[in-house]
N, C-alpha and C. Protein backbone atom coordinates (compact mmCIF):
# COMPACT_ATOMS: atom_id res chain seq x y z
N MET A 1 -34.71 10.05 99.84
CA MET A 1 -34.35 8.92 100.68
C MET A 1 -32.96 9.17 101.24
N SER A 2 -32.78 8.89 102.52
CA SER A 2 -31.50 9.16 103.17
C SER A 2 -30.43 8.18 102.70
N LEU A 3 -29.20 8.59 102.91
CA LEU A 3 -28.07 7.74 102.53
C LEU A 3 -28.08 6.44 103.31
N GLU A 4 -28.48 6.52 104.60
CA GLU A 4 -28.54 5.31 105.41
C GLU A 4 -29.57 4.33 104.86
N LYS A 5 -30.72 4.83 104.41
CA LYS A 5 -31.73 3.95 103.83
C LYS A 5 -31.22 3.34 102.53
N ASN A 6 -30.52 4.14 101.73
CA ASN A 6 -29.93 3.60 100.50
C ASN A 6 -28.96 2.48 100.81
N PHE A 7 -28.20 2.63 101.90
CA PHE A 7 -27.24 1.61 102.30
C PHE A 7 -27.92 0.27 102.52
N PHE A 8 -29.06 0.29 103.19
CA PHE A 8 -29.73 -0.96 103.49
C PHE A 8 -30.44 -1.54 102.27
N ILE A 9 -30.79 -0.71 101.31
CA ILE A 9 -31.47 -1.20 100.10
C ILE A 9 -30.45 -1.62 99.04
N ALA A 10 -29.33 -0.90 99.00
CA ALA A 10 -28.33 -1.15 97.97
C ALA A 10 -27.65 -2.50 98.17
N GLY A 11 -26.99 -2.94 97.14
CA GLY A 11 -26.21 -4.17 97.27
C GLY A 11 -26.67 -5.24 96.31
N ALA A 12 -25.99 -6.32 96.33
CA ALA A 12 -26.30 -7.43 95.45
C ALA A 12 -26.34 -8.70 96.27
N VAL A 13 -27.12 -9.64 95.81
CA VAL A 13 -27.15 -10.94 96.46
C VAL A 13 -25.91 -11.69 96.01
N CYS A 14 -25.30 -12.38 96.91
CA CYS A 14 -24.08 -13.10 96.62
C CYS A 14 -24.37 -14.59 96.69
N PHE A 15 -23.79 -15.34 95.77
CA PHE A 15 -23.94 -16.78 95.85
C PHE A 15 -22.63 -17.45 95.49
N SER A 16 -22.54 -18.70 95.79
CA SER A 16 -21.29 -19.42 95.59
C SER A 16 -21.40 -20.29 94.35
N VAL A 17 -20.42 -20.16 93.47
CA VAL A 17 -20.36 -20.99 92.26
C VAL A 17 -19.02 -21.70 92.28
N MET A 18 -19.06 -23.02 92.42
CA MET A 18 -17.86 -23.83 92.46
C MET A 18 -16.85 -23.28 93.46
N GLY A 19 -17.32 -22.89 94.62
CA GLY A 19 -16.43 -22.42 95.66
C GLY A 19 -16.00 -20.97 95.53
N THR A 20 -16.42 -20.29 94.46
CA THR A 20 -16.05 -18.90 94.26
C THR A 20 -17.25 -18.01 94.57
N THR A 21 -17.03 -16.97 95.33
CA THR A 21 -18.10 -16.05 95.66
C THR A 21 -18.34 -15.10 94.50
N VAL A 22 -19.59 -15.01 94.07
CA VAL A 22 -19.97 -14.17 92.94
C VAL A 22 -21.14 -13.30 93.37
N PHE A 23 -21.10 -12.01 93.07
CA PHE A 23 -22.20 -11.12 93.39
C PHE A 23 -23.11 -11.02 92.18
N ALA A 24 -24.39 -11.18 92.41
CA ALA A 24 -25.36 -11.18 91.32
C ALA A 24 -26.26 -9.96 91.42
N ALA A 25 -25.91 -8.92 90.69
CA ALA A 25 -26.68 -7.69 90.72
C ALA A 25 -28.11 -7.92 90.26
N ALA A 26 -28.31 -8.89 89.38
CA ALA A 26 -29.65 -9.17 88.86
C ALA A 26 -30.60 -9.62 89.96
N GLN A 27 -30.08 -10.15 91.07
CA GLN A 27 -30.93 -10.63 92.16
C GLN A 27 -31.03 -9.64 93.30
N GLN A 28 -30.51 -8.43 93.14
CA GLN A 28 -30.46 -7.49 94.25
C GLN A 28 -31.83 -7.09 94.75
N ASP A 29 -32.88 -7.17 93.93
CA ASP A 29 -34.19 -6.76 94.41
C ASP A 29 -35.04 -7.92 94.89
N THR A 30 -34.48 -9.08 95.09
CA THR A 30 -35.26 -10.19 95.64
C THR A 30 -35.74 -9.80 97.03
N GLN A 31 -37.05 -9.73 97.19
CA GLN A 31 -37.62 -9.34 98.47
C GLN A 31 -38.55 -10.40 99.04
N CYS A 32 -38.89 -11.39 98.23
CA CYS A 32 -39.80 -12.43 98.68
C CYS A 32 -39.16 -13.79 98.44
N PHE A 33 -39.05 -14.57 99.50
CA PHE A 33 -38.46 -15.90 99.42
C PHE A 33 -39.55 -16.90 99.82
N THR A 34 -40.16 -17.53 98.82
CA THR A 34 -41.25 -18.44 99.11
C THR A 34 -40.71 -19.73 99.71
N ARG A 35 -41.55 -20.38 100.51
CA ARG A 35 -41.11 -21.58 101.23
C ARG A 35 -40.64 -22.68 100.29
N ASP A 36 -41.16 -22.71 99.06
CA ASP A 36 -40.74 -23.73 98.10
C ASP A 36 -39.30 -23.54 97.63
N HIS A 37 -38.75 -22.34 97.84
CA HIS A 37 -37.40 -22.04 97.37
C HIS A 37 -36.40 -21.80 98.50
N LEU A 38 -36.78 -22.12 99.72
CA LEU A 38 -35.86 -21.94 100.84
C LEU A 38 -34.76 -22.99 100.79
N ILE A 39 -33.62 -22.64 101.35
CA ILE A 39 -32.45 -23.50 101.38
C ILE A 39 -32.47 -24.32 102.66
N THR A 40 -32.44 -25.64 102.53
CA THR A 40 -32.39 -26.51 103.70
C THR A 40 -30.95 -26.67 104.14
N LEU A 41 -30.70 -26.35 105.41
CA LEU A 41 -29.36 -26.49 105.97
C LEU A 41 -29.52 -26.91 107.42
N ASN A 42 -29.22 -28.17 107.69
CA ASN A 42 -29.32 -28.71 109.04
C ASN A 42 -27.92 -28.80 109.63
N LYS A 43 -27.80 -28.38 110.90
CA LYS A 43 -26.49 -28.34 111.55
C LYS A 43 -26.53 -29.18 112.82
N GLN A 44 -25.45 -29.90 113.05
CA GLN A 44 -25.36 -30.80 114.20
C GLN A 44 -24.57 -30.14 115.34
N ASP A 45 -25.07 -30.27 116.57
CA ASP A 45 -24.37 -29.82 117.78
C ASP A 45 -23.85 -28.39 117.67
N VAL A 46 -24.72 -27.46 117.29
CA VAL A 46 -24.35 -26.07 117.04
C VAL A 46 -23.81 -25.42 118.32
N ALA A 47 -22.66 -24.81 118.20
CA ALA A 47 -22.01 -24.06 119.29
C ALA A 47 -21.88 -24.89 120.56
N GLY A 48 -21.64 -26.18 120.40
CA GLY A 48 -21.50 -27.05 121.56
C GLY A 48 -22.82 -27.52 122.14
N GLY A 49 -23.91 -27.23 121.43
CA GLY A 49 -25.22 -27.72 121.86
C GLY A 49 -25.37 -29.19 121.54
N GLN A 50 -26.61 -29.68 121.66
CA GLN A 50 -26.85 -31.10 121.41
C GLN A 50 -27.94 -31.27 120.37
N GLY A 51 -27.77 -32.27 119.52
CA GLY A 51 -28.78 -32.61 118.54
C GLY A 51 -28.67 -31.77 117.28
N THR A 52 -29.71 -31.86 116.47
CA THR A 52 -29.73 -31.20 115.17
C THR A 52 -30.56 -29.93 115.22
N LEU A 53 -30.02 -28.88 114.63
CA LEU A 53 -30.76 -27.64 114.39
C LEU A 53 -31.20 -27.71 112.94
N TYR A 54 -32.50 -27.83 112.72
CA TYR A 54 -33.05 -27.93 111.37
C TYR A 54 -33.34 -26.52 110.87
N GLY A 55 -32.83 -26.18 109.68
CA GLY A 55 -32.99 -24.83 109.16
C GLY A 55 -33.50 -24.78 107.73
N LYS A 56 -34.33 -23.79 107.47
CA LYS A 56 -34.82 -23.45 106.12
C LYS A 56 -34.55 -21.96 105.94
N PHE A 57 -33.62 -21.61 105.06
CA PHE A 57 -33.13 -20.25 104.94
C PHE A 57 -33.54 -19.57 103.64
N SER A 58 -33.80 -18.26 103.73
CA SER A 58 -33.97 -17.45 102.53
C SER A 58 -32.61 -17.29 101.85
N PHE A 59 -31.60 -17.03 102.66
CA PHE A 59 -30.20 -16.96 102.23
C PHE A 59 -29.35 -17.13 103.47
N THR A 60 -28.10 -17.50 103.27
CA THR A 60 -27.20 -17.72 104.39
C THR A 60 -26.08 -16.67 104.37
N ARG A 61 -25.32 -16.63 105.44
CA ARG A 61 -24.29 -15.59 105.60
C ARG A 61 -23.33 -15.50 104.43
N ASP A 62 -22.95 -16.62 103.86
CA ASP A 62 -22.00 -16.60 102.75
C ASP A 62 -22.64 -16.11 101.46
N MET A 63 -23.95 -15.92 101.44
CA MET A 63 -24.65 -15.46 100.24
C MET A 63 -24.95 -13.97 100.28
N ALA A 64 -24.90 -13.34 101.44
CA ALA A 64 -25.21 -11.92 101.56
C ALA A 64 -24.04 -11.08 101.09
N ALA A 65 -24.35 -10.00 100.41
CA ALA A 65 -23.31 -9.08 99.96
C ALA A 65 -22.71 -8.36 101.17
N PRO A 66 -21.46 -7.95 101.09
CA PRO A 66 -20.82 -7.28 102.23
C PRO A 66 -21.57 -6.05 102.72
N ASP A 67 -22.25 -5.34 101.82
CA ASP A 67 -22.92 -4.12 102.24
C ASP A 67 -24.38 -4.33 102.66
N GLN A 68 -24.82 -5.57 102.77
CA GLN A 68 -26.17 -5.86 103.24
C GLN A 68 -26.15 -6.09 104.74
N ALA A 69 -27.03 -5.39 105.45
CA ALA A 69 -27.08 -5.51 106.92
C ALA A 69 -27.60 -6.86 107.36
N ILE A 70 -28.66 -7.36 106.73
CA ILE A 70 -29.22 -8.65 107.10
C ILE A 70 -28.38 -9.73 106.43
N LYS A 71 -27.76 -10.58 107.24
CA LYS A 71 -26.85 -11.60 106.73
C LYS A 71 -27.50 -12.98 106.61
N GLU A 72 -28.55 -13.22 107.38
CA GLU A 72 -29.16 -14.55 107.36
C GLU A 72 -30.55 -14.47 107.98
N ILE A 73 -31.50 -15.16 107.35
CA ILE A 73 -32.85 -15.29 107.90
C ILE A 73 -33.27 -16.73 107.68
N GLY A 74 -33.75 -17.36 108.75
CA GLY A 74 -34.16 -18.75 108.60
C GLY A 74 -35.21 -19.18 109.60
N TRP A 75 -36.05 -20.13 109.16
CA TRP A 75 -36.96 -20.86 110.04
C TRP A 75 -36.14 -21.96 110.67
N MET A 76 -36.11 -22.02 111.98
CA MET A 76 -35.30 -23.01 112.66
C MET A 76 -36.19 -23.90 113.52
N THR A 77 -35.77 -25.15 113.66
CA THR A 77 -36.51 -26.09 114.50
C THR A 77 -35.52 -26.88 115.35
N LEU A 78 -35.80 -26.91 116.65
CA LEU A 78 -35.09 -27.76 117.59
C LEU A 78 -36.08 -28.79 118.10
N LYS A 79 -35.74 -30.06 117.97
CA LYS A 79 -36.57 -31.15 118.50
C LYS A 79 -36.45 -31.17 120.04
N PRO A 80 -37.40 -31.79 120.72
CA PRO A 80 -37.31 -31.87 122.18
C PRO A 80 -35.94 -32.41 122.63
N GLY A 81 -35.33 -31.72 123.59
CA GLY A 81 -34.02 -32.11 124.11
C GLY A 81 -32.83 -31.53 123.35
N ALA A 82 -33.07 -30.98 122.15
CA ALA A 82 -31.97 -30.41 121.36
C ALA A 82 -31.68 -28.98 121.81
N SER A 83 -30.47 -28.51 121.50
CA SER A 83 -30.09 -27.17 121.94
C SER A 83 -29.04 -26.55 121.02
N ILE A 84 -28.96 -25.22 121.13
CA ILE A 84 -27.88 -24.43 120.55
C ILE A 84 -27.05 -24.00 121.75
N GLY A 85 -25.78 -24.34 121.77
CA GLY A 85 -24.94 -23.98 122.91
C GLY A 85 -24.75 -22.48 123.05
N THR A 86 -24.40 -22.06 124.23
CA THR A 86 -24.16 -20.64 124.47
C THR A 86 -22.92 -20.22 123.69
N HIS A 87 -23.08 -19.16 122.90
CA HIS A 87 -22.00 -18.68 122.05
C HIS A 87 -22.04 -17.16 122.00
N LYS A 88 -20.90 -16.56 121.67
CA LYS A 88 -20.75 -15.10 121.68
C LYS A 88 -20.80 -14.54 120.26
N HIS A 89 -21.39 -13.36 120.15
CA HIS A 89 -21.43 -12.65 118.87
C HIS A 89 -20.47 -11.47 118.92
N GLN A 90 -19.74 -11.26 117.82
CA GLN A 90 -18.76 -10.18 117.77
C GLN A 90 -19.30 -9.00 116.97
N ASN A 91 -19.36 -9.14 115.65
CA ASN A 91 -19.76 -8.03 114.78
C ASN A 91 -21.14 -8.22 114.18
N ASN A 92 -21.98 -9.00 114.87
CA ASN A 92 -23.35 -9.15 114.37
C ASN A 92 -24.31 -9.27 115.54
N GLU A 93 -25.58 -9.16 115.22
CA GLU A 93 -26.65 -9.30 116.19
C GLU A 93 -27.51 -10.47 115.75
N ASP A 94 -27.99 -11.24 116.71
CA ASP A 94 -28.75 -12.45 116.42
C ASP A 94 -30.03 -12.42 117.23
N SER A 95 -31.15 -12.49 116.53
CA SER A 95 -32.45 -12.44 117.20
C SER A 95 -33.24 -13.71 116.90
N TYR A 96 -33.87 -14.25 117.94
CA TYR A 96 -34.77 -15.39 117.80
C TYR A 96 -36.19 -14.90 118.06
N ILE A 97 -37.10 -15.23 117.17
CA ILE A 97 -38.52 -14.93 117.35
C ILE A 97 -39.23 -16.27 117.47
N ILE A 98 -39.71 -16.57 118.65
CA ILE A 98 -40.30 -17.89 118.92
C ILE A 98 -41.69 -17.97 118.30
N ILE A 99 -41.90 -18.99 117.48
CA ILE A 99 -43.17 -19.20 116.78
C ILE A 99 -44.03 -20.22 117.52
N SER A 100 -43.44 -21.36 117.88
CA SER A 100 -44.20 -22.39 118.60
C SER A 100 -43.25 -23.24 119.44
N GLY A 101 -43.83 -23.92 120.42
CA GLY A 101 -43.04 -24.75 121.31
C GLY A 101 -42.59 -23.98 122.55
N GLN A 102 -41.83 -24.65 123.39
CA GLN A 102 -41.33 -24.07 124.63
C GLN A 102 -39.83 -24.33 124.72
N GLY A 103 -39.13 -23.37 125.27
CA GLY A 103 -37.70 -23.54 125.41
C GLY A 103 -37.13 -22.71 126.53
N THR A 104 -35.82 -22.79 126.67
CA THR A 104 -35.10 -22.00 127.65
C THR A 104 -34.03 -21.21 126.92
N PHE A 105 -34.10 -19.89 127.05
CA PHE A 105 -33.10 -18.99 126.49
C PHE A 105 -32.10 -18.69 127.59
N THR A 106 -30.80 -18.77 127.27
CA THR A 106 -29.76 -18.45 128.23
C THR A 106 -28.98 -17.25 127.71
N ASP A 107 -28.90 -16.20 128.54
CA ASP A 107 -28.15 -15.02 128.11
C ASP A 107 -26.69 -15.11 128.54
N GLY A 108 -25.92 -14.08 128.22
CA GLY A 108 -24.48 -14.08 128.49
C GLY A 108 -24.10 -14.10 129.94
N THR A 109 -25.03 -13.75 130.82
CA THR A 109 -24.73 -13.79 132.26
C THR A 109 -25.06 -15.15 132.86
N GLY A 110 -25.63 -16.04 132.02
CA GLY A 110 -26.03 -17.35 132.51
C GLY A 110 -27.48 -17.40 132.97
N LYS A 111 -28.17 -16.27 132.91
CA LYS A 111 -29.57 -16.23 133.31
C LYS A 111 -30.42 -16.99 132.30
N SER A 112 -31.28 -17.88 132.80
CA SER A 112 -32.18 -18.66 131.95
C SER A 112 -33.59 -18.10 132.04
N THR A 113 -34.25 -18.02 130.88
CA THR A 113 -35.61 -17.51 130.80
C THR A 113 -36.43 -18.48 129.96
N LEU A 114 -37.59 -18.89 130.46
CA LEU A 114 -38.49 -19.72 129.67
C LEU A 114 -39.06 -18.88 128.55
N VAL A 115 -39.07 -19.44 127.34
CA VAL A 115 -39.61 -18.72 126.18
C VAL A 115 -40.64 -19.58 125.46
N GLY A 116 -41.57 -18.90 124.81
CA GLY A 116 -42.62 -19.58 124.06
C GLY A 116 -43.12 -18.67 122.95
N PRO A 117 -44.21 -19.07 122.29
CA PRO A 117 -44.73 -18.31 121.15
C PRO A 117 -44.90 -16.82 121.44
N GLY A 118 -44.35 -16.00 120.54
CA GLY A 118 -44.45 -14.55 120.67
C GLY A 118 -43.27 -13.91 121.36
N ASP A 119 -42.40 -14.70 122.00
CA ASP A 119 -41.24 -14.13 122.68
C ASP A 119 -40.12 -13.85 121.67
N ILE A 120 -39.34 -12.81 121.96
CA ILE A 120 -38.24 -12.38 121.09
C ILE A 120 -36.99 -12.24 121.94
N THR A 121 -35.88 -12.77 121.45
CA THR A 121 -34.59 -12.62 122.13
C THR A 121 -33.61 -11.94 121.20
N ILE A 122 -32.56 -11.37 121.76
CA ILE A 122 -31.52 -10.78 120.92
C ILE A 122 -30.18 -10.85 121.64
N ALA A 123 -29.14 -11.10 120.86
CA ALA A 123 -27.76 -11.01 121.34
C ALA A 123 -27.10 -9.93 120.51
N ARG A 124 -26.66 -8.89 121.15
CA ARG A 124 -25.98 -7.78 120.49
C ARG A 124 -24.47 -8.08 120.44
N PRO A 125 -23.69 -7.31 119.68
CA PRO A 125 -22.25 -7.56 119.64
C PRO A 125 -21.64 -7.59 121.04
N GLY A 126 -20.84 -8.61 121.29
CA GLY A 126 -20.20 -8.79 122.58
C GLY A 126 -21.02 -9.61 123.56
N GLN A 127 -22.28 -9.91 123.21
CA GLN A 127 -23.13 -10.70 124.10
C GLN A 127 -23.18 -12.15 123.65
N SER A 128 -23.49 -13.01 124.61
CA SER A 128 -23.62 -14.44 124.35
C SER A 128 -25.08 -14.85 124.53
N HIS A 129 -25.42 -15.98 123.91
CA HIS A 129 -26.75 -16.54 124.10
C HIS A 129 -26.77 -18.00 123.69
N GLY A 130 -27.80 -18.71 124.16
CA GLY A 130 -28.03 -20.09 123.79
C GLY A 130 -29.52 -20.37 123.91
N LEU A 131 -29.96 -21.48 123.32
CA LEU A 131 -31.38 -21.82 123.33
C LEU A 131 -31.52 -23.33 123.37
N SER A 132 -32.44 -23.81 124.21
CA SER A 132 -32.68 -25.25 124.27
C SER A 132 -34.18 -25.50 124.24
N ASN A 133 -34.55 -26.62 123.64
CA ASN A 133 -35.95 -27.04 123.63
C ASN A 133 -36.19 -27.86 124.88
N THR A 134 -36.92 -27.28 125.81
CA THR A 134 -37.22 -27.95 127.07
C THR A 134 -38.67 -28.44 127.11
N GLY A 135 -39.35 -28.32 125.96
CA GLY A 135 -40.75 -28.74 125.89
C GLY A 135 -40.90 -30.13 125.30
N LYS A 136 -42.15 -30.51 125.06
CA LYS A 136 -42.48 -31.83 124.50
C LYS A 136 -42.69 -31.78 122.99
N ASP A 137 -42.83 -30.57 122.43
CA ASP A 137 -43.05 -30.39 121.00
C ASP A 137 -41.84 -29.70 120.38
N ASP A 138 -41.81 -29.65 119.05
CA ASP A 138 -40.74 -28.93 118.36
C ASP A 138 -40.74 -27.47 118.79
N LEU A 139 -39.55 -26.89 118.93
CA LEU A 139 -39.38 -25.46 119.18
C LEU A 139 -39.06 -24.83 117.82
N VAL A 140 -39.99 -24.03 117.31
CA VAL A 140 -39.84 -23.41 116.00
C VAL A 140 -39.65 -21.91 116.20
N PHE A 141 -38.63 -21.36 115.54
CA PHE A 141 -38.34 -19.93 115.68
C PHE A 141 -37.69 -19.38 114.43
N LEU A 142 -37.84 -18.08 114.24
CA LEU A 142 -37.13 -17.38 113.18
C LEU A 142 -35.79 -16.93 113.75
N ASP A 143 -34.75 -17.06 112.97
CA ASP A 143 -33.42 -16.60 113.35
C ASP A 143 -33.01 -15.53 112.36
N ILE A 144 -32.75 -14.33 112.85
CA ILE A 144 -32.36 -13.22 111.99
C ILE A 144 -31.01 -12.69 112.47
N ILE A 145 -30.03 -12.73 111.57
CA ILE A 145 -28.69 -12.26 111.90
C ILE A 145 -28.39 -11.02 111.07
N ALA A 146 -28.01 -9.94 111.75
CA ALA A 146 -27.69 -8.68 111.09
C ALA A 146 -26.27 -8.27 111.42
N GLN A 147 -25.57 -7.74 110.43
CA GLN A 147 -24.21 -7.26 110.62
C GLN A 147 -24.23 -5.99 111.45
N ASN A 148 -23.29 -5.85 112.33
CA ASN A 148 -23.15 -4.63 113.12
C ASN A 148 -21.67 -4.33 113.22
N ASP A 149 -21.13 -3.82 112.14
CA ASP A 149 -19.71 -3.51 112.06
C ASP A 149 -19.58 -2.05 111.65
N GLY A 150 -19.39 -1.19 112.61
CA GLY A 150 -19.36 0.25 112.37
C GLY A 150 -18.40 0.68 111.29
N GLU A 151 -17.22 0.11 111.24
CA GLU A 151 -16.22 0.51 110.24
C GLU A 151 -16.67 0.14 108.82
N ALA A 152 -17.25 -1.05 108.66
CA ALA A 152 -17.72 -1.46 107.34
C ALA A 152 -18.86 -0.55 106.88
N THR A 153 -19.75 -0.21 107.79
CA THR A 153 -20.87 0.67 107.46
C THR A 153 -20.36 2.03 107.01
N LYS A 154 -19.40 2.58 107.74
CA LYS A 154 -18.82 3.88 107.37
C LYS A 154 -18.18 3.83 105.98
N ALA A 155 -17.51 2.74 105.66
CA ALA A 155 -16.86 2.60 104.36
C ALA A 155 -17.88 2.56 103.23
N VAL A 156 -18.97 1.84 103.44
CA VAL A 156 -20.02 1.74 102.40
C VAL A 156 -20.67 3.11 102.22
N ILE A 157 -20.99 3.80 103.30
CA ILE A 157 -21.61 5.13 103.21
C ILE A 157 -20.68 6.09 102.48
N ALA A 158 -19.39 6.05 102.78
CA ALA A 158 -18.42 6.90 102.10
C ALA A 158 -18.39 6.62 100.60
N ALA A 159 -18.44 5.34 100.23
CA ALA A 159 -18.45 4.95 98.82
C ALA A 159 -19.70 5.46 98.12
N LEU A 160 -20.86 5.35 98.80
CA LEU A 160 -22.11 5.82 98.22
C LEU A 160 -22.11 7.34 98.03
N GLN A 161 -21.47 8.07 98.94
CA GLN A 161 -21.41 9.52 98.85
C GLN A 161 -20.59 9.97 97.64
N LYS A 162 -19.64 9.15 97.21
CA LYS A 162 -18.80 9.47 96.07
C LYS A 162 -19.52 9.29 94.74
N GLN A 163 -20.63 8.54 94.76
CA GLN A 163 -21.35 8.24 93.51
C GLN A 163 -22.13 9.43 93.03
């Protein structure tokens, strides 16, 4: 197995205990997050958008170990008329996979594209994006955020090579 593959597999799940970040090596091989154990986290007026973004997460950004590429995965729901405001990504990539409903995706140039079931969007580092529910039903999508920080990746690979 290549060092790069080891990088993505290696690591520990991180969780917060009384405000202190703790890495739990015992949970490093968690690969299945059943819906009964997802974390509910609803956010209001995200990135200057309107309404509530309803979320059910396997884990959130503050729970991922520094050397894990995937920082957050969640089922998200925007009610009709709700939106995520246009926002910029720096050292991560954010992808929306539309499951059901209809919406409008706005990219960093301001271009709007109608999206629906089966459509996939992505904002790479330095790009902006936003999403609004322009339909009559809930807009349900998966949100996957991955770290894209070249220097951090190089540091982890260097550390693994020393082992």
